[in-house]
Amino acid sequence: MGYRWKNKIDVDEAVVTVMNTLDKDESLPNWLIKTINQSIKDSDSDMGTYFFMELKKHAPLGIRYFEDDY
């Protein structure tokens, strides 16, 4: 179950979670992928755009796990 990102700090926390998980395991668990995809859908499109922009900068290998509708 995702949650609505209200600000960039919420998004930054998701990006850090993806970065740390990829650093540890080199893959993302399904529950994390589903949670973040739901957050993308439930949040303002600006937050989704910001998520993808930050993910591309800090964890580009994570992009493949998420729907890129932006």
N, C-alpha and C. Protein backbone atom coordinates (compact mmCIF):
# COMPACT_ATOMS: atom_id res chain seq x y z
N MET A 1 0.84 -1.17 0.00
CA MET A 1 0.00 0.00 0.00
C MET A 1 0.89 1.24 0.00
N GLY A 2 0.71 2.09 -0.96
CA GLY A 2 1.49 3.31 -1.07
C GLY A 2 0.92 4.41 -0.20
N TYR A 3 1.59 5.50 -0.18
CA TYR A 3 1.07 6.66 0.52
C TYR A 3 1.30 7.88 -0.35
N ARG A 4 0.53 8.90 -0.14
CA ARG A 4 0.60 10.11 -0.95
C ARG A 4 1.81 10.94 -0.52
N TRP A 5 2.68 11.23 -1.49
CA TRP A 5 3.81 12.10 -1.22
C TRP A 5 3.30 13.53 -1.16
N LYS A 6 3.56 14.21 -0.06
CA LYS A 6 3.07 15.58 0.12
C LYS A 6 4.12 16.62 -0.19
N ASN A 7 5.38 16.21 -0.16
CA ASN A 7 6.46 17.17 -0.41
C ASN A 7 7.70 16.42 -0.90
N LYS A 8 8.72 17.19 -1.23
CA LYS A 8 9.94 16.58 -1.78
C LYS A 8 10.67 15.73 -0.75
N ILE A 9 10.51 16.04 0.51
CA ILE A 9 11.15 15.23 1.55
C ILE A 9 10.60 13.80 1.53
N ASP A 10 9.28 13.66 1.35
CA ASP A 10 8.68 12.32 1.24
C ASP A 10 9.30 11.56 0.07
N VAL A 11 9.45 12.24 -1.04
CA VAL A 11 10.03 11.62 -2.24
C VAL A 11 11.50 11.27 -2.00
N ASP A 12 12.22 12.19 -1.38
CA ASP A 12 13.64 11.93 -1.10
C ASP A 12 13.82 10.68 -0.25
N GLU A 13 12.93 10.48 0.70
CA GLU A 13 13.01 9.28 1.55
C GLU A 13 12.81 8.01 0.72
N ALA A 14 11.91 8.06 -0.25
CA ALA A 14 11.69 6.91 -1.12
C ALA A 14 12.94 6.65 -1.98
N VAL A 15 13.54 7.71 -2.49
CA VAL A 15 14.74 7.56 -3.31
C VAL A 15 15.88 6.96 -2.48
N VAL A 16 16.05 7.44 -1.27
CA VAL A 16 17.10 6.90 -0.39
C VAL A 16 16.84 5.43 -0.10
N THR A 17 15.60 5.07 0.10
CA THR A 17 15.25 3.67 0.34
C THR A 17 15.64 2.81 -0.86
N VAL A 18 15.34 3.29 -2.05
CA VAL A 18 15.71 2.55 -3.27
C VAL A 18 17.23 2.46 -3.36
N MET A 19 17.93 3.56 -3.14
CA MET A 19 19.40 3.56 -3.21
C MET A 19 19.99 2.54 -2.24
N ASN A 20 19.56 2.59 -1.00
CA ASN A 20 20.11 1.70 0.02
C ASN A 20 19.80 0.24 -0.28
N THR A 21 18.60 -0.02 -0.76
CA THR A 21 18.22 -1.39 -1.07
C THR A 21 19.04 -1.92 -2.24
N LEU A 22 19.23 -1.12 -3.26
CA LEU A 22 20.04 -1.56 -4.41
C LEU A 22 21.50 -1.75 -4.02
N ASP A 23 22.00 -0.90 -3.14
CA ASP A 23 23.39 -1.06 -2.68
C ASP A 23 23.58 -2.37 -1.93
N LYS A 24 22.56 -2.77 -1.20
CA LYS A 24 22.63 -3.99 -0.39
C LYS A 24 22.39 -5.25 -1.21
N ASP A 25 21.30 -5.23 -1.97
CA ASP A 25 20.81 -6.45 -2.60
C ASP A 25 20.90 -6.48 -4.12
N GLU A 26 21.17 -5.36 -4.75
CA GLU A 26 21.24 -5.25 -6.20
C GLU A 26 19.91 -5.54 -6.90
N SER A 27 18.84 -5.63 -6.12
CA SER A 27 17.49 -5.74 -6.67
C SER A 27 16.51 -5.19 -5.63
N LEU A 28 15.28 -4.96 -6.08
CA LEU A 28 14.26 -4.43 -5.18
C LEU A 28 13.20 -5.48 -4.93
N PRO A 29 12.74 -5.60 -3.69
CA PRO A 29 11.66 -6.55 -3.41
C PRO A 29 10.34 -6.06 -4.00
N ASN A 30 9.49 -7.01 -4.31
CA ASN A 30 8.20 -6.67 -4.93
C ASN A 30 7.37 -5.72 -4.08
N TRP A 31 7.40 -5.89 -2.76
CA TRP A 31 6.58 -5.02 -1.90
C TRP A 31 7.02 -3.57 -2.03
N LEU A 32 8.31 -3.33 -2.19
CA LEU A 32 8.80 -1.96 -2.32
C LEU A 32 8.41 -1.37 -3.68
N ILE A 33 8.53 -2.15 -4.71
CA ILE A 33 8.14 -1.70 -6.04
C ILE A 33 6.66 -1.34 -6.07
N LYS A 34 5.83 -2.20 -5.53
CA LYS A 34 4.38 -1.94 -5.51
C LYS A 34 4.04 -0.71 -4.68
N THR A 35 4.70 -0.56 -3.54
CA THR A 35 4.44 0.58 -2.67
C THR A 35 4.80 1.89 -3.36
N ILE A 36 5.96 1.94 -3.98
CA ILE A 36 6.38 3.17 -4.65
C ILE A 36 5.54 3.44 -5.89
N ASN A 37 5.21 2.42 -6.66
CA ASN A 37 4.33 2.62 -7.82
C ASN A 37 2.98 3.19 -7.39
N GLN A 38 2.45 2.71 -6.28
CA GLN A 38 1.18 3.23 -5.78
C GLN A 38 1.33 4.68 -5.32
N SER A 39 2.45 4.99 -4.69
CA SER A 39 2.72 6.38 -4.27
C SER A 39 2.80 7.30 -5.48
N ILE A 40 3.42 6.83 -6.55
CA ILE A 40 3.50 7.63 -7.78
C ILE A 40 2.10 7.92 -8.30
N LYS A 41 1.26 6.91 -8.32
CA LYS A 41 -0.11 7.06 -8.83
C LYS A 41 -0.96 7.97 -7.95
N ASP A 42 -0.76 7.88 -6.63
CA ASP A 42 -1.60 8.61 -5.69
C ASP A 42 -1.17 10.04 -5.44
N SER A 43 0.03 10.41 -5.87
CA SER A 43 0.58 11.73 -5.58
C SER A 43 0.44 12.66 -6.78
N ASP A 44 0.64 13.95 -6.52
CA ASP A 44 0.66 14.92 -7.61
C ASP A 44 1.69 14.50 -8.65
N SER A 45 1.41 14.81 -9.88
CA SER A 45 2.35 14.43 -10.94
C SER A 45 3.70 15.10 -10.75
N ASP A 46 3.73 16.29 -10.12
CA ASP A 46 5.00 16.96 -9.85
C ASP A 46 5.89 16.10 -8.95
N MET A 47 5.27 15.41 -7.99
CA MET A 47 6.05 14.56 -7.09
C MET A 47 6.58 13.34 -7.84
N GLY A 48 5.78 12.80 -8.74
CA GLY A 48 6.24 11.68 -9.56
C GLY A 48 7.39 12.07 -10.47
N THR A 49 7.27 13.24 -11.07
CA THR A 49 8.34 13.75 -11.92
C THR A 49 9.62 13.95 -11.11
N TYR A 50 9.47 14.51 -9.93
CA TYR A 50 10.62 14.73 -9.06
C TYR A 50 11.25 13.39 -8.66
N PHE A 51 10.42 12.39 -8.36
CA PHE A 51 10.92 11.07 -8.01
C PHE A 51 11.82 10.52 -9.13
N PHE A 52 11.33 10.55 -10.36
CA PHE A 52 12.11 10.01 -11.47
C PHE A 52 13.37 10.82 -11.73
N MET A 53 13.29 12.13 -11.57
CA MET A 53 14.46 12.98 -11.76
C MET A 53 15.55 12.63 -10.73
N GLU A 54 15.15 12.50 -9.48
CA GLU A 54 16.10 12.18 -8.41
C GLU A 54 16.62 10.74 -8.52
N LEU A 55 15.73 9.83 -8.91
CA LEU A 55 16.15 8.44 -9.06
C LEU A 55 17.19 8.32 -10.18
N LYS A 56 16.98 9.03 -11.28
CA LYS A 56 17.95 9.01 -12.38
C LYS A 56 19.31 9.53 -11.94
N LYS A 57 19.32 10.52 -11.03
CA LYS A 57 20.58 11.08 -10.52
C LYS A 57 21.27 10.15 -9.55
N HIS A 58 20.51 9.59 -8.62
CA HIS A 58 21.10 8.90 -7.47
C HIS A 58 21.06 7.37 -7.53
N ALA A 59 20.13 6.82 -8.28
CA ALA A 59 20.02 5.36 -8.39
C ALA A 59 19.46 4.98 -9.76
N PRO A 60 20.20 5.28 -10.82
CA PRO A 60 19.67 5.06 -12.17
C PRO A 60 19.28 3.61 -12.46
N LEU A 61 19.89 2.67 -11.79
CA LEU A 61 19.51 1.27 -12.01
C LEU A 61 18.11 0.97 -11.49
N GLY A 62 17.58 1.82 -10.65
CA GLY A 62 16.25 1.63 -10.10
C GLY A 62 15.12 2.00 -11.04
N ILE A 63 15.43 2.77 -12.06
CA ILE A 63 14.39 3.23 -12.99
C ILE A 63 13.60 2.07 -13.58
N ARG A 64 14.27 1.01 -13.91
CA ARG A 64 13.62 -0.12 -14.60
C ARG A 64 12.51 -0.76 -13.78
N TYR A 65 12.49 -0.52 -12.47
CA TYR A 65 11.50 -1.15 -11.60
C TYR A 65 10.17 -0.38 -11.54
N PHE A 66 10.15 0.82 -12.08
CA PHE A 66 8.97 1.67 -11.90
C PHE A 66 8.34 2.08 -13.20
N GLU A 67 7.06 2.32 -13.12
CA GLU A 67 6.32 2.78 -14.30
C GLU A 67 6.75 4.20 -14.59
N ASP A 68 7.16 4.43 -15.83
CA ASP A 68 7.62 5.76 -16.20
C ASP A 68 6.60 6.40 -17.12
N ASP A 69 5.57 6.98 -16.49
CA ASP A 69 4.51 7.63 -17.26
C ASP A 69 4.77 9.12 -17.41
N TYR A 70 5.89 9.56 -16.93
CA TYR A 70 6.12 11.01 -16.86
C TYR A 70 7.00 11.46 -17.96
